[in-house]
């Protein structure tokens, strides 16, 4: 009997190990498929944008002196004798803009998450603060920019404030909706077993809000970049925002369009990365169907 038991245990161990290896391989294939889909989607989007841009210029008959298509931008960045200097100029401004966008994105998303959490815990806080968020959303940022610059100066603080204003309201609405979409039945079970509102928030509301949180992230990426460009144009005088305005004034049309193409491509790439992270995280949490 001992020998038989040992053989059965050995077979069970081998089967368990094989199952673990199979699960790991399946997970790896799933990650690879997600990455492949993201890359393919990005490439298709890029090709469509390039073709649409080039075709639109031809259909509208815009002067080639003013409007530069994707092929013209490619030539300016990679073919002409001064291509290296052109790339360095665009890259230098792009790095500044991405840094400004990151600051506004982070500040706005953190503020939106904290406010959404407070709104979920207290209706009174929501009644007091939501009108302020609506006011910030309803006033054009171009109108607020001089006031913000007057109060905070013309440095990074202004960039953070303007970027976070653009990000705040859409992210707040999405995250608050996600926190309130938690199952009330599960929250009731937690209350029956002695859990308080913070326990329900941590165990139920926060995990269930992940799809809405990632939706807020994807919405906030272009918003943060827009806020950074506006801040650079109206306040700091740096980055692509200032570079585009200066190039327009100096009739450097190649630089204008190269800057626009660069920030557009980077925005698409960042959006695609956020979508990929969303897919991987929700799949690991068993919430993949929430994105469909």
C-alpha atoms as a PDB file:
ATOM      1  CA  UNK A   1       0.000   0.000   0.000  1.00  0.00           C
ATOM      2  CA  UNK A   2       2.868   2.353   0.771  1.00  0.00           C
ATOM      3  CA  UNK A   3       4.359   1.880  -2.701  1.00  0.00           C
ATOM      4  CA  UNK A   4       0.979   2.443  -4.367  1.00  0.00           C
ATOM      5  CA  UNK A   5       0.404   5.608  -2.340  1.00  0.00           C
ATOM      6  CA  UNK A   6       3.858   6.885  -3.236  1.00  0.00           C
ATOM      7  CA  UNK A   7       3.251   6.296  -6.942  1.00  0.00           C
ATOM      8  CA  UNK A   8      -0.084   8.127  -6.782  1.00  0.00           C
ATOM      9  CA  UNK A   9       1.508  11.043  -4.973  1.00  0.00           C
ATOM     10  CA  UNK A  10       4.270  11.200  -7.568  1.00  0.00           C
ATOM     11  CA  UNK A  11       1.747  11.200 -10.416  1.00  0.00           C
ATOM     12  CA  UNK A  12      -0.211  13.953  -8.681  1.00  0.00           C
ATOM     13  CA  UNK A  13       2.926  16.050  -8.239  1.00  0.00           C
ATOM     14  CA  UNK A  14       3.868  15.637 -11.894  1.00  0.00           C
ATOM     15  CA  UNK A  15       0.334  16.537 -12.992  1.00  0.00           C
ATOM     16  CA  UNK A  16       0.337  19.599 -10.749  1.00  0.00           C
ATOM     17  CA  UNK A  17       3.686  20.727 -12.101  1.00  0.00           C
ATOM     18  CA  UNK A  18       2.502  20.226 -15.680  1.00  0.00           C
ATOM     19  CA  UNK A  19      -0.649  22.191 -14.914  1.00  0.00           C
ATOM     20  CA  UNK A  20       1.414  25.021 -13.463  1.00  0.00           C
ATOM     21  CA  UNK A  21       3.671  25.083 -16.496  1.00  0.00           C
ATOM     22  CA  UNK A  22       0.627  25.057 -18.773  1.00  0.00           C
ATOM     23  CA  UNK A  23      -0.956  27.948 -16.874  1.00  0.00           C
ATOM     24  CA  UNK A  24       2.274  29.933 -17.072  1.00  0.00           C
ATOM     25  CA  UNK A  25       2.577  29.286 -20.787  1.00  0.00           C
ATOM     26  CA  UNK A  26      -1.051  30.264 -21.318  1.00  0.00           C
ATOM     27  CA  UNK A  27      -0.523  33.509 -19.402  1.00  0.00           C
ATOM     28  CA  UNK A  28       2.596  34.269 -21.425  1.00  0.00           C
ATOM     29  CA  UNK A  29       0.692  33.656 -24.661  1.00  0.00           C
ATOM     30  CA  UNK A  30      -2.060  35.974 -23.451  1.00  0.00           C
ATOM     31  CA  UNK A  31       0.431  38.745 -22.677  1.00  0.00           C
ATOM     32  CA  UNK A  32       2.131  38.241 -26.039  1.00  0.00           C
ATOM     33  CA  UNK A  33      -1.198  38.393 -27.838  1.00  0.00           C
ATOM     34  CA  UNK A  34      -2.124  41.610 -26.022  1.00  0.00           C
ATOM     35  CA  UNK A  35       1.198  43.225 -26.904  1.00  0.00           C
ATOM     36  CA  UNK A  36       0.856  42.068 -30.511  1.00  0.00           C
ATOM     37  CA  UNK A  37      -2.650  43.498 -30.811  1.00  0.00           C
ATOM     38  CA  UNK A  38      -1.521  46.802 -29.301  1.00  0.00           C
ATOM     39  CA  UNK A  39       1.422  47.101 -31.704  1.00  0.00           C
ATOM     40  CA  UNK A  40      -0.728  46.156 -34.700  1.00  0.00           C
ATOM     41  CA  UNK A  41      -3.435  48.628 -33.712  1.00  0.00           C
ATOM     42  CA  UNK A  42      -0.850  51.365 -33.300  1.00  0.00           C
ATOM     43  CA  UNK A  43       0.698  50.693 -36.695  1.00  0.00           C
ATOM     44  CA  UNK A  44      -2.686  50.621 -38.423  1.00  0.00           C
ATOM     45  CA  UNK A  45      -3.686  53.873 -36.715  1.00  0.00           C
ATOM     46  CA  UNK A  46      -0.421  55.514 -37.754  1.00  0.00           C
ATOM     47  CA  UNK A  47      -0.838  54.425 -41.382  1.00  0.00           C
ATOM     48  CA  UNK A  48      -4.444  55.648 -41.459  1.00  0.00           C
ATOM     49  CA  UNK A  49      -3.469  59.025 -39.980  1.00  0.00           C
ATOM     50  CA  UNK A  50      -0.623  59.455 -42.485  1.00  0.00           C
ATOM     51  CA  UNK A  51      -2.792  58.550 -45.472  1.00  0.00           C
ATOM     52  CA  UNK A  52      -5.693  60.673 -44.249  1.00  0.00           C
ATOM     53  CA  UNK A  53      -3.452  63.682 -43.671  1.00  0.00           C
ATOM     54  CA  UNK A  54      -1.791  63.424 -47.056  1.00  0.00           C
ATOM     55  CA  UNK A  55      -5.111  62.846 -48.818  1.00  0.00           C
ATOM     56  CA  UNK A  56      -6.838  65.717 -47.022  1.00  0.00           C
ATOM     57  CA  UNK A  57      -4.205  68.176 -48.189  1.00  0.00           C
ATOM     58  CA  UNK A  58      -4.653  67.009 -51.776  1.00  0.00           C
ATOM     59  CA  UNK A  59      -8.458  67.178 -51.638  1.00  0.00           C
ATOM     60  CA  UNK A  60      -8.562  70.642 -50.054  1.00  0.00           C
ATOM     61  CA  UNK A  61      -5.886  71.988 -52.356  1.00  0.00           C
ATOM     62  CA  UNK A  62      -4.047  73.796 -49.553  1.00  0.00           C
ATOM     63  CA  UNK A  63      -0.931  75.693 -50.569  1.00  0.00           C
ATOM     64  CA  UNK A  64       2.178  73.481 -50.187  1.00  0.00           C
ATOM     65  CA  UNK A  65       3.969  76.496 -48.734  1.00  0.00           C
ATOM     66  CA  UNK A  66       1.606  76.635 -45.760  1.00  0.00           C
ATOM     67  CA  UNK A  67       0.571  73.021 -45.250  1.00  0.00           C
ATOM     68  CA  UNK A  68       3.104  70.229 -44.969  1.00  0.00           C
ATOM     69  CA  UNK A  69       2.004  66.625 -45.221  1.00  0.00           C
ATOM     70  CA  UNK A  70       3.482  63.623 -43.397  1.00  0.00           C
ATOM     71  CA  UNK A  71       5.871  62.949 -46.294  1.00  0.00           C
ATOM     72  CA  UNK A  72       7.114  66.552 -46.167  1.00  0.00           C
ATOM     73  CA  UNK A  73       7.695  66.242 -42.435  1.00  0.00           C
ATOM     74  CA  UNK A  74       9.594  62.980 -42.954  1.00  0.00           C
ATOM     75  CA  UNK A  75      11.827  64.689 -45.511  1.00  0.00           C
ATOM     76  CA  UNK A  76      12.517  67.619 -43.159  1.00  0.00           C
ATOM     77  CA  UNK A  77      13.371  65.318 -40.260  1.00  0.00           C
ATOM     78  CA  UNK A  78      15.362  62.593 -42.014  1.00  0.00           C
ATOM     79  CA  UNK A  79      16.431  63.548 -45.556  1.00  0.00           C
ATOM     80  CA  UNK A  80      17.538  67.179 -45.836  1.00  0.00           C
ATOM     81  CA  UNK A  81      21.157  68.089 -44.935  1.00  0.00           C
ATOM     82  CA  UNK A  82      20.050  69.765 -41.679  1.00  0.00           C
ATOM     83  CA  UNK A  83      17.888  66.794 -40.633  1.00  0.00           C
ATOM     84  CA  UNK A  84      19.963  66.047 -37.517  1.00  0.00           C
ATOM     85  CA  UNK A  85      19.617  69.618 -36.257  1.00  0.00           C
ATOM     86  CA  UNK A  86      15.898  69.554 -37.037  1.00  0.00           C
ATOM     87  CA  UNK A  87      15.396  66.341 -35.069  1.00  0.00           C
ATOM     88  CA  UNK A  88      17.397  67.720 -32.152  1.00  0.00           C
ATOM     89  CA  UNK A  89      15.233  70.850 -32.057  1.00  0.00           C
ATOM     90  CA  UNK A  90      11.957  68.920 -32.072  1.00  0.00           C
ATOM     91  CA  UNK A  91      13.250  66.364 -29.548  1.00  0.00           C
ATOM     92  CA  UNK A  92      14.429  69.068 -27.140  1.00  0.00           C
ATOM     93  CA  UNK A  93      11.057  70.804 -27.159  1.00  0.00           C
ATOM     94  CA  UNK A  94       9.196  67.484 -27.009  1.00  0.00           C
ATOM     95  CA  UNK A  95      11.045  66.386 -23.867  1.00  0.00           C
ATOM     96  CA  UNK A  96      10.073  69.632 -22.127  1.00  0.00           C
ATOM     97  CA  UNK A  97       6.428  69.271 -23.150  1.00  0.00           C
ATOM     98  CA  UNK A  98       6.238  65.642 -22.038  1.00  0.00           C
ATOM     99  CA  UNK A  99       7.705  66.584 -18.662  1.00  0.00           C
ATOM    100  CA  UNK A 100       5.141  69.357 -18.265  1.00  0.00           C
ATOM    101  CA  UNK A 101       2.341  67.010 -19.350  1.00  0.00           C
ATOM    102  CA  UNK A 102       3.479  64.363 -16.856  1.00  0.00           C
ATOM    103  CA  UNK A 103       3.332  66.853 -13.984  1.00  0.00           C
ATOM    104  CA  UNK A 104      -0.164  68.018 -14.913  1.00  0.00           C
ATOM    105  CA  UNK A 105      -1.340  64.452 -15.555  1.00  0.00           C
ATOM    106  CA  UNK A 106      -0.062  63.196 -12.204  1.00  0.00           C
ATOM    107  CA  UNK A 107      -1.405  66.120 -10.193  1.00  0.00           C
ATOM    108  CA  UNK A 108      -4.801  66.032 -11.886  1.00  0.00           C
ATOM    109  CA  UNK A 109      -5.225  62.268 -11.630  1.00  0.00           C
ATOM    110  CA  UNK A 110      -4.169  62.145  -7.968  1.00  0.00           C
ATOM    111  CA  UNK A 111      -6.519  65.016  -7.127  1.00  0.00           C
ATOM    112  CA  UNK A 112      -9.371  63.350  -9.038  1.00  0.00           C
ATOM    113  CA  UNK A 113      -8.807  60.034  -7.256  1.00  0.00           C
ATOM    114  CA  UNK A 114      -8.745  61.648  -3.813  1.00  0.00           C
ATOM    115  CA  UNK A 115     -11.841  63.734  -4.523  1.00  0.00           C
ATOM    116  CA  UNK A 116     -13.741  60.773  -5.964  1.00  0.00           C
ATOM    117  CA  UNK A 117     -12.896  58.768  -2.843  1.00  0.00           C
ATOM    118  CA  UNK A 118     -14.121  61.581  -0.602  1.00  0.00           C
ATOM    119  CA  UNK A 119     -17.304  61.909  -2.665  1.00  0.00           C
ATOM    120  CA  UNK A 120     -17.949  58.183  -2.248  1.00  0.00           C
ATOM    121  CA  UNK A 121     -17.527  58.398   1.525  1.00  0.00           C
ATOM    122  CA  UNK A 122     -19.446  61.646   2.032  1.00  0.00           C
ATOM    123  CA  UNK A 123     -22.298  63.132   0.013  1.00  0.00           C
ATOM    124  CA  UNK A 124     -21.803  66.398   1.891  1.00  0.00           C
ATOM    125  CA  UNK A 125     -18.255  66.765   0.597  1.00  0.00           C
ATOM    126  CA  UNK A 126     -19.506  66.081  -2.928  1.00  0.00           C
ATOM    127  CA  UNK A 127     -22.221  68.736  -2.619  1.00  0.00           C
ATOM    128  CA  UNK A 128     -19.638  71.259  -1.445  1.00  0.00           C
ATOM    129  CA  UNK A 129     -16.825  70.570  -3.923  1.00  0.00           C
ATOM    130  CA  UNK A 130     -18.506  69.385  -7.125  1.00  0.00           C
ATOM    131  CA  UNK A 131     -19.745  72.897  -8.055  1.00  0.00           C
ATOM    132  CA  UNK A 132     -16.133  74.114  -7.918  1.00  0.00           C
ATOM    133  CA  UNK A 133     -15.042  71.320 -10.241  1.00  0.00           C
ATOM    134  CA  UNK A 134     -17.904  72.172 -12.611  1.00  0.00           C
ATOM    135  CA  UNK A 135     -16.883  75.833 -12.556  1.00  0.00           C
ATOM    136  CA  UNK A 136     -13.286  74.987 -13.467  1.00  0.00           C
ATOM    137  CA  UNK A 137     -14.572  72.807 -16.290  1.00  0.00           C
ATOM    138  CA  UNK A 138     -16.958  75.409 -17.684  1.00  0.00           C
ATOM    139  CA  UNK A 139     -14.484  78.317 -17.847  1.00  0.00           C
ATOM    140  CA  UNK A 140     -12.152  78.150 -20.892  1.00  0.00           C
ATOM    141  CA  UNK A 141      -8.563  77.520 -19.848  1.00  0.00           C
ATOM    142  CA  UNK A 142      -7.373  80.303 -22.152  1.00  0.00           C
ATOM    143  CA  UNK A 143      -9.407  82.734 -20.032  1.00  0.00           C
ATOM    144  CA  UNK A 144      -8.060  81.308 -16.765  1.00  0.00           C
ATOM    145  CA  UNK A 145      -4.421  81.255 -17.864  1.00  0.00           C
ATOM    146  CA  UNK A 146      -3.638  84.953 -17.211  1.00  0.00           C
ATOM    147  CA  UNK A 147      -5.178  84.753 -13.737  1.00  0.00           C
ATOM    148  CA  UNK A 148      -3.288  81.555 -12.932  1.00  0.00           C
ATOM    149  CA  UNK A 149      -0.017  83.069 -14.171  1.00  0.00           C
ATOM    150  CA  UNK A 150      -0.624  86.192 -12.087  1.00  0.00           C
ATOM    151  CA  UNK A 151      -1.100  84.098  -8.938  1.00  0.00           C
ATOM    152  CA  UNK A 152       1.476  81.338  -9.422  1.00  0.00           C
ATOM    153  CA  UNK A 153       4.056  83.016 -11.671  1.00  0.00           C
ATOM    154  CA  UNK A 154       5.346  81.748 -15.001  1.00  0.00           C
ATOM    155  CA  UNK A 155       7.094  78.567 -13.902  1.00  0.00           C
ATOM    156  CA  UNK A 156       6.328  74.903 -13.263  1.00  0.00           C
ATOM    157  CA  UNK A 157       3.592  75.704 -10.755  1.00  0.00           C
ATOM    158  CA  UNK A 158       1.517  77.256 -13.522  1.00  0.00           C
ATOM    159  CA  UNK A 159       2.137  74.213 -15.731  1.00  0.00           C
ATOM    160  CA  UNK A 160       0.959  71.866 -12.973  1.00  0.00           C
ATOM    161  CA  UNK A 161      -2.135  73.925 -12.199  1.00  0.00           C
ATOM    162  CA  UNK A 162      -3.216  74.310 -15.823  1.00  0.00           C
ATOM    163  CA  UNK A 163      -2.546  70.671 -16.667  1.00  0.00           C
ATOM    164  CA  UNK A 164      -4.378  69.401 -13.600  1.00  0.00           C
ATOM    165  CA  UNK A 165      -7.412  71.579 -14.382  1.00  0.00           C
ATOM    166  CA  UNK A 166      -7.723  69.970 -17.821  1.00  0.00           C
ATOM    167  CA  UNK A 167      -7.346  66.473 -16.351  1.00  0.00           C
ATOM    168  CA  UNK A 168      -9.383  66.890 -13.168  1.00  0.00           C
ATOM    169  CA  UNK A 169     -13.050  66.911 -14.170  1.00  0.00           C
ATOM    170  CA  UNK A 170     -13.172  64.064 -16.739  1.00  0.00           C
ATOM    171  CA  UNK A 171     -11.047  61.867 -14.472  1.00  0.00           C
ATOM    172  CA  UNK A 172     -13.150  62.763 -11.433  1.00  0.00           C
ATOM    173  CA  UNK A 173     -16.415  61.833 -13.145  1.00  0.00           C
ATOM    174  CA  UNK A 174     -15.060  58.504 -14.407  1.00  0.00           C
ATOM    175  CA  UNK A 175     -13.433  57.447 -11.147  1.00  0.00           C
ATOM    176  CA  UNK A 176     -16.422  58.485  -9.020  1.00  0.00           C
ATOM    177  CA  UNK A 177     -18.707  56.481 -11.310  1.00  0.00           C
ATOM    178  CA  UNK A 178     -16.435  53.456 -10.963  1.00  0.00           C
ATOM    179  CA  UNK A 179     -16.334  53.671  -7.174  1.00  0.00           C
ATOM    180  CA  UNK A 180     -20.126  53.808  -7.022  1.00  0.00           C
ATOM    181  CA  UNK A 181     -20.571  50.894  -9.408  1.00  0.00           C
ATOM    182  CA  UNK A 182     -19.495  48.442  -6.703  1.00  0.00           C
ATOM    183  CA  UNK A 183     -21.996  45.716  -5.836  1.00  0.00           C
ATOM    184  CA  UNK A 184     -24.195  46.892  -2.927  1.00  0.00           C
ATOM    185  CA  UNK A 185     -24.815  43.274  -1.947  1.00  0.00           C
ATOM    186  CA  UNK A 186     -21.115  42.692  -1.289  1.00  0.00           C
ATOM    187  CA  UNK A 187     -20.926  45.952   0.652  1.00  0.00           C
ATOM    188  CA  UNK A 188     -23.874  44.774   2.767  1.00  0.00           C
ATOM    189  CA  UNK A 189     -22.073  41.504   3.490  1.00  0.00           C
ATOM    190  CA  UNK A 190     -19.017  43.435   4.672  1.00  0.00           C
ATOM    191  CA  UNK A 191     -21.235  45.573   6.922  1.00  0.00           C
ATOM    192  CA  UNK A 192     -22.881  42.454   8.393  1.00  0.00           C
ATOM    193  CA  UNK A 193     -19.451  41.096   9.341  1.00  0.00           C
ATOM    194  CA  UNK A 194     -18.502  44.336  11.091  1.00  0.00           C
ATOM    195  CA  UNK A 195     -16.726  46.149   8.280  1.00  0.00           C
ATOM    196  CA  UNK A 196     -16.986  49.927   8.014  1.00  0.00           C
ATOM    197  CA  UNK A 197     -17.148  52.247   5.018  1.00  0.00           C
ATOM    198  CA  UNK A 198     -13.363  52.256   4.637  1.00  0.00           C
ATOM    199  CA  UNK A 199     -13.301  48.463   4.552  1.00  0.00           C
ATOM    200  CA  UNK A 200     -15.979  48.400   1.841  1.00  0.00           C
ATOM    201  CA  UNK A 201     -14.033  51.032  -0.080  1.00  0.00           C
ATOM    202  CA  UNK A 202     -10.779  49.081   0.087  1.00  0.00           C
ATOM    203  CA  UNK A 203     -12.219  45.610  -0.498  1.00  0.00           C
ATOM    204  CA  UNK A 204     -15.029  46.336  -2.958  1.00  0.00           C
ATOM    205  CA  UNK A 205     -15.189  49.841  -4.410  1.00  0.00           C
ATOM    206  CA  UNK A 206     -11.533  50.344  -5.329  1.00  0.00           C
ATOM    207  CA  UNK A 207     -11.102  47.000  -7.150  1.00  0.00           C
ATOM    208  CA  UNK A 208     -14.402  47.393  -9.007  1.00  0.00           C
ATOM    209  CA  UNK A 209     -13.429  50.906 -10.135  1.00  0.00           C
ATOM    210  CA  UNK A 210     -10.327  49.770 -12.054  1.00  0.00           C
ATOM    211  CA  UNK A 211     -12.002  49.842 -15.516  1.00  0.00           C
ATOM    212  CA  UNK A 212     -13.243  53.377 -14.878  1.00  0.00           C
ATOM    213  CA  UNK A 213      -9.843  54.391 -13.515  1.00  0.00           C
ATOM    214  CA  UNK A 214      -8.101  53.231 -16.677  1.00  0.00           C
ATOM    215  CA  UNK A 215     -10.728  55.027 -18.758  1.00  0.00           C
ATOM    216  CA  UNK A 216      -9.840  58.175 -16.817  1.00  0.00           C
ATOM    217  CA  UNK A 217      -6.142  57.586 -17.506  1.00  0.00           C
ATOM    218  CA  UNK A 218      -6.723  57.245 -21.253  1.00  0.00           C
ATOM    219  CA  UNK A 219      -8.859  60.382 -21.345  1.00  0.00           C
ATOM    220  CA  UNK A 220      -6.336  62.306 -19.254  1.00  0.00           C
ATOM    221  CA  UNK A 221      -3.305  61.630 -21.468  1.00  0.00           C
ATOM    222  CA  UNK A 222      -4.344  63.901 -24.379  1.00  0.00           C
ATOM    223  CA  UNK A 223      -5.861  66.338 -21.899  1.00  0.00           C
ATOM    224  CA  UNK A 224      -2.588  66.673 -19.996  1.00  0.00           C
ATOM    225  CA  UNK A 225      -0.671  67.218 -23.235  1.00  0.00           C
ATOM    226  CA  UNK A 226      -3.158  69.900 -24.294  1.00  0.00           C
ATOM    227  CA  UNK A 227      -2.807  71.610 -20.920  1.00  0.00           C
ATOM    228  CA  UNK A 228       0.985  71.518 -21.181  1.00  0.00           C
ATOM    229  CA  UNK A 229       0.944  73.046 -24.668  1.00  0.00           C
ATOM    230  CA  UNK A 230      -1.378  75.832 -23.522  1.00  0.00           C
ATOM    231  CA  UNK A 231       0.749  76.544 -20.454  1.00  0.00           C
ATOM    232  CA  UNK A 232       3.893  76.714 -22.573  1.00  0.00           C
ATOM    233  CA  UNK A 233       2.221  78.984 -25.094  1.00  0.00           C
ATOM    234  CA  UNK A 234       0.543  81.348 -22.635  1.00  0.00           C
ATOM    235  CA  UNK A 235       2.874  81.276 -19.659  1.00  0.00           C
ATOM    236  CA  UNK A 236       6.260  79.554 -19.545  1.00  0.00           C
ATOM    237  CA  UNK A 237       7.565  80.201 -23.064  1.00  0.00           C
ATOM    238  CA  UNK A 238       9.150  76.748 -23.339  1.00  0.00           C
ATOM    239  CA  UNK A 239       8.526  73.396 -25.029  1.00  0.00           C
ATOM    240  CA  UNK A 240       6.539  72.628 -28.145  1.00  0.00           C
ATOM    241  CA  UNK A 241       3.762  75.038 -27.190  1.00  0.00           C
ATOM    242  CA  UNK A 242       6.101  78.003 -27.410  1.00  0.00           C
ATOM    243  CA  UNK A 243       8.059  76.457 -30.290  1.00  0.00           C
ATOM    244  CA  UNK A 244       4.962  76.164 -32.480  1.00  0.00           C
ATOM    245  CA  UNK A 245       3.869  79.753 -31.825  1.00  0.00           C
ATOM    246  CA  UNK A 246       7.376  81.074 -32.481  1.00  0.00           C
ATOM    247  CA  UNK A 247       7.702  79.035 -35.673  1.00  0.00           C
ATOM    248  CA  UNK A 248       4.340  80.321 -36.927  1.00  0.00           C
ATOM    249  CA  UNK A 249       5.443  83.911 -36.329  1.00  0.00           C
ATOM    250  CA  UNK A 250       8.694  83.267 -38.209  1.00  0.00           C
ATOM    251  CA  UNK A 251       6.935  81.351 -41.026  1.00  0.00           C
ATOM    252  CA  UNK A 252       8.924  78.188 -40.271  1.00  0.00           C
ATOM    253  CA  UNK A 253       6.175  75.953 -41.560  1.00  0.00           C
ATOM    254  CA  UNK A 254       8.227  72.761 -41.619  1.00  0.00           C
ATOM    255  CA  UNK A 255       8.989  73.166 -37.916  1.00  0.00           C
ATOM    256  CA  UNK A 256       5.327  73.854 -37.144  1.00  0.00           C
ATOM    257  CA  UNK A 257       4.082  70.711 -38.831  1.00  0.00           C
ATOM    258  CA  UNK A 258       6.936  68.556 -37.543  1.00  0.00           C
ATOM    259  CA  UNK A 259       6.065  69.644 -33.993  1.00  0.00           C
ATOM    260  CA  UNK A 260       2.392  68.826 -34.544  1.00  0.00           C
ATOM    261  CA  UNK A 261       3.211  65.412 -36.001  1.00  0.00           C
ATOM    262  CA  UNK A 262       5.653  64.626 -33.174  1.00  0.00           C
ATOM    263  CA  UNK A 263       3.210  65.403 -30.374  1.00  0.00           C
ATOM    264  CA  UNK A 264       0.402  63.569 -32.183  1.00  0.00           C
ATOM    265  CA  UNK A 265       2.470  60.403 -32.613  1.00  0.00           C
ATOM    266  CA  UNK A 266       3.618  60.498 -28.989  1.00  0.00           C
ATOM    267  CA  UNK A 267       0.019  60.961 -27.811  1.00  0.00           C
ATOM    268  CA  UNK A 268      -1.079  57.901 -29.788  1.00  0.00           C
ATOM    269  CA  UNK A 269       1.815  55.844 -28.411  1.00  0.00           C
ATOM    270  CA  UNK A 270       1.077  56.831 -24.808  1.00  0.00           C
ATOM    271  CA  UNK A 271      -2.622  56.075 -25.284  1.00  0.00           C
ATOM    272  CA  UNK A 272      -1.748  52.667 -26.707  1.00  0.00           C
ATOM    273  CA  UNK A 273       0.561  51.914 -23.766  1.00  0.00           C
ATOM    274  CA  UNK A 274      -2.186  52.860 -21.314  1.00  0.00           C
ATOM    275  CA  UNK A 275      -4.603  50.571 -23.135  1.00  0.00           C
ATOM    276  CA  UNK A 276      -2.082  47.725 -23.025  1.00  0.00           C
ATOM    277  CA  UNK A 277      -1.502  48.154 -19.284  1.00  0.00           C
ATOM    278  CA  UNK A 278      -5.272  48.235 -18.770  1.00  0.00           C
ATOM    279  CA  UNK A 279      -5.722  44.953 -20.633  1.00  0.00           C
ATOM    280  CA  UNK A 280      -2.954  43.207 -18.686  1.00  0.00           C
ATOM    281  CA  UNK A 281      -4.086  44.448 -15.267  1.00  0.00           C
ATOM    282  CA  UNK A 282      -7.776  43.700 -15.800  1.00  0.00           C
ATOM    283  CA  UNK A 283      -6.945  40.266 -17.175  1.00  0.00           C
ATOM    284  CA  UNK A 284      -4.897  39.506 -14.069  1.00  0.00           C
ATOM    285  CA  UNK A 285      -7.758  40.755 -11.885  1.00  0.00           C
ATOM    286  CA  UNK A 286     -10.279  38.631 -13.794  1.00  0.00           C
ATOM    287  CA  UNK A 287     -12.093  41.748 -15.028  1.00  0.00           C
ATOM    288  CA  UNK A 288     -11.236  41.615 -18.729  1.00  0.00           C
ATOM    289  CA  UNK A 289     -14.899  41.569 -19.788  1.00  0.00           C
ATOM    290  CA  UNK A 290     -15.332  44.990 -18.191  1.00  0.00           C
ATOM    291  CA  UNK A 291     -13.410  46.583 -21.049  1.00  0.00           C
ATOM    292  CA  UNK A 292     -15.659  45.154 -23.793  1.00  0.00           C
END
